[in-house]
Amino acid sequence: MDHVRRKNTILTVAKAQLLLDSGLGIDRIINTPAGKMYDKNGSWGDGAGNTEQCVATFLPGGYEIVVFVNSPIGVGGASLRNMVKDIYLANLQ
């Protein structure tokens, strides 16, 4: 993710930012007090109740985070993407 966004090894920095701002391959763009947050989530299962999920997030300030979880979150299957967003926003200072 670092090479896509800042290193100019896959795309130029300007093109990478244009793609993010255009929402290409991104599910959600959120304006935060620190800047824009871009994320892409996914989930898959085997049909027998086994679920895996992930979220990749480009954060403001040149940070990225990718989280994989090999099971549903809690009884209701909480959204991993929303958990990452909520924790990030709760910890901005």
C-alpha atoms as a PDB file:
ATOM      1  CA  MET A   1       0.000   0.000   0.000  1.00  0.00           C
ATOM      2  CA  ASP A   2       2.915   2.298   0.723  1.00  0.00           C
ATOM      3  CA  HIS A   3       4.359   1.695  -2.756  1.00  0.00           C
ATOM      4  CA  VAL A   4       1.023   2.473  -4.418  1.00  0.00           C
ATOM      5  CA  ARG A   5       0.422   5.650  -2.448  1.00  0.00           C
ATOM      6  CA  ARG A   6       3.835   7.268  -1.948  1.00  0.00           C
ATOM      7  CA  LYS A   7       6.827   5.503  -3.504  1.00  0.00           C
ATOM      8  CA  ASN A   8       6.218   6.175  -7.253  1.00  0.00           C
ATOM      9  CA  THR A   9       7.130   2.536  -7.949  1.00  0.00           C
ATOM     10  CA  ILE A  10       3.695   1.355  -9.118  1.00  0.00           C
ATOM     11  CA  LEU A  11       1.940   4.664  -9.854  1.00  0.00           C
ATOM     12  CA  THR A  12       2.934   8.257  -9.472  1.00  0.00           C
ATOM     13  CA  VAL A  13       1.869   9.758  -6.173  1.00  0.00           C
ATOM     14  CA  ALA A  14      -0.491  12.129  -8.020  1.00  0.00           C
ATOM     15  CA  LYS A  15      -2.171   9.287  -9.954  1.00  0.00           C
ATOM     16  CA  ALA A  16      -2.537   7.172  -6.846  1.00  0.00           C
ATOM     17  CA  GLN A  17      -4.208  10.065  -5.023  1.00  0.00           C
ATOM     18  CA  LEU A  18      -6.489  10.726  -8.010  1.00  0.00           C
ATOM     19  CA  LEU A  19      -7.598   7.083  -7.988  1.00  0.00           C
ATOM     20  CA  LEU A  20      -8.306   7.215  -4.259  1.00  0.00           C
ATOM     21  CA  ASP A  21     -10.227  10.489  -4.528  1.00  0.00           C
ATOM     22  CA  SER A  22     -12.197   9.044  -7.474  1.00  0.00           C
ATOM     23  CA  GLY A  23     -13.121   6.024  -5.370  1.00  0.00           C
ATOM     24  CA  LEU A  24     -11.591   3.475  -7.757  1.00  0.00           C
ATOM     25  CA  GLY A  25     -11.414   0.200  -5.851  1.00  0.00           C
ATOM     26  CA  ILE A  26     -12.489   1.949  -2.658  1.00  0.00           C
ATOM     27  CA  ASP A  27     -15.773   1.293  -0.862  1.00  0.00           C
ATOM     28  CA  ARG A  28     -15.896   4.397   1.262  1.00  0.00           C
ATOM     29  CA  ILE A  29     -14.249   7.795   1.662  1.00  0.00           C
ATOM     30  CA  ILE A  30     -14.693   9.481   5.044  1.00  0.00           C
ATOM     31  CA  ASN A  31     -13.718  13.030   5.931  1.00  0.00           C
ATOM     32  CA  THR A  32     -12.151  13.025   9.398  1.00  0.00           C
ATOM     33  CA  PRO A  33     -10.660  15.848  11.459  1.00  0.00           C
ATOM     34  CA  ALA A  34      -7.213  14.548  10.382  1.00  0.00           C
ATOM     35  CA  GLY A  35      -8.062  14.264   6.651  1.00  0.00           C
ATOM     36  CA  LYS A  36      -9.637  11.750   4.301  1.00  0.00           C
ATOM     37  CA  MET A  37      -9.825   8.066   5.158  1.00  0.00           C
ATOM     38  CA  TYR A  38     -10.295   5.533   2.326  1.00  0.00           C
ATOM     39  CA  ASP A  39     -11.279   1.905   2.893  1.00  0.00           C
ATOM     40  CA  LYS A  40     -12.060  -1.337   1.120  1.00  0.00           C
ATOM     41  CA  ASN A  41     -13.561  -4.290   2.919  1.00  0.00           C
ATOM     42  CA  GLY A  42     -14.339  -7.869   2.052  1.00  0.00           C
ATOM     43  CA  SER A  43     -15.660 -11.065   3.507  1.00  0.00           C
ATOM     44  CA  TRP A  44     -15.929 -14.634   2.362  1.00  0.00           C
ATOM     45  CA  GLY A  45     -17.051 -17.955   3.756  1.00  0.00           C
ATOM     46  CA  ASP A  46     -17.135 -21.637   2.959  1.00  0.00           C
ATOM     47  CA  GLY A  47     -20.907 -22.087   3.128  1.00  0.00           C
ATOM     48  CA  ALA A  48     -20.629 -24.028   6.376  1.00  0.00           C
ATOM     49  CA  GLY A  49     -20.721 -20.956   8.612  1.00  0.00           C
ATOM     50  CA  ASN A  50     -16.988 -20.257   8.573  1.00  0.00           C
ATOM     51  CA  THR A  51     -16.441 -16.610   7.736  1.00  0.00           C
ATOM     52  CA  GLU A  52     -13.343 -14.505   7.198  1.00  0.00           C
ATOM     53  CA  GLN A  53     -13.235 -10.766   6.675  1.00  0.00           C
ATOM     54  CA  CYS A  54     -10.735  -8.025   6.048  1.00  0.00           C
ATOM     55  CA  VAL A  55     -10.440  -4.285   5.651  1.00  0.00           C
ATOM     56  CA  ALA A  56      -7.667  -2.247   4.052  1.00  0.00           C
ATOM     57  CA  THR A  57      -7.617   1.423   5.008  1.00  0.00           C
ATOM     58  CA  PHE A  58      -5.557   4.363   3.769  1.00  0.00           C
ATOM     59  CA  LEU A  59      -5.456   6.748   6.730  1.00  0.00           C
ATOM     60  CA  PRO A  60      -4.575  10.443   6.785  1.00  0.00           C
ATOM     61  CA  GLY A  61      -0.987  11.345   7.530  1.00  0.00           C
ATOM     62  CA  GLY A  62       0.556   8.641   5.381  1.00  0.00           C
ATOM     63  CA  TYR A  63      -0.573   5.609   7.356  1.00  0.00           C
ATOM     64  CA  GLU A  64      -2.209   2.395   6.240  1.00  0.00           C
ATOM     65  CA  ILE A  65      -3.785  -0.450   8.134  1.00  0.00           C
ATOM     66  CA  VAL A  66      -4.922  -3.879   6.978  1.00  0.00           C
ATOM     67  CA  VAL A  67      -6.839  -6.177   9.327  1.00  0.00           C
ATOM     68  CA  PHE A  68      -7.853  -9.801   8.693  1.00  0.00           C
ATOM     69  CA  VAL A  69     -10.208 -11.681  11.002  1.00  0.00           C
ATOM     70  CA  ASN A  70     -10.877 -15.398  10.661  1.00  0.00           C
ATOM     71  CA  SER A  71     -14.319 -15.427  12.258  1.00  0.00           C
ATOM     72  CA  PRO A  72     -17.436 -13.322  12.678  1.00  0.00           C
ATOM     73  CA  ILE A  73     -17.075 -10.521  15.239  1.00  0.00           C
ATOM     74  CA  GLY A  74     -19.452 -11.192  18.098  1.00  0.00           C
ATOM     75  CA  VAL A  75     -22.827 -12.865  17.932  1.00  0.00           C
ATOM     76  CA  GLY A  76     -24.240 -10.351  15.451  1.00  0.00           C
ATOM     77  CA  GLY A  77     -21.221 -10.373  13.141  1.00  0.00           C
ATOM     78  CA  ALA A  78     -20.181  -6.744  13.632  1.00  0.00           C
ATOM     79  CA  SER A  79     -18.626  -4.815  10.765  1.00  0.00           C
ATOM     80  CA  LEU A  80     -14.838  -4.978  10.865  1.00  0.00           C
ATOM     81  CA  ARG A  81     -14.671  -1.907   8.636  1.00  0.00           C
ATOM     82  CA  ASN A  82     -16.791   0.123  11.058  1.00  0.00           C
ATOM     83  CA  MET A  83     -14.775  -1.111  14.040  1.00  0.00           C
ATOM     84  CA  VAL A  84     -11.515   0.096  12.465  1.00  0.00           C
ATOM     85  CA  LYS A  85     -13.125   3.450  11.576  1.00  0.00           C
ATOM     86  CA  ASP A  86     -14.662   3.925  15.017  1.00  0.00           C
ATOM     87  CA  ILE A  87     -11.437   3.084  16.859  1.00  0.00           C
ATOM     88  CA  TYR A  88      -9.436   5.417  14.637  1.00  0.00           C
ATOM     89  CA  LEU A  89     -11.887   8.302  15.075  1.00  0.00           C
ATOM     90  CA  ALA A  90     -12.137   7.753  18.843  1.00  0.00           C
ATOM     91  CA  ASN A  91      -8.354   8.071  19.153  1.00  0.00           C
ATOM     92  CA  LEU A  92      -7.784  11.249  17.134  1.00  0.00           C
ATOM     93  CA  GLN A  93      -6.420  14.029  19.308  1.00  0.00           C
END
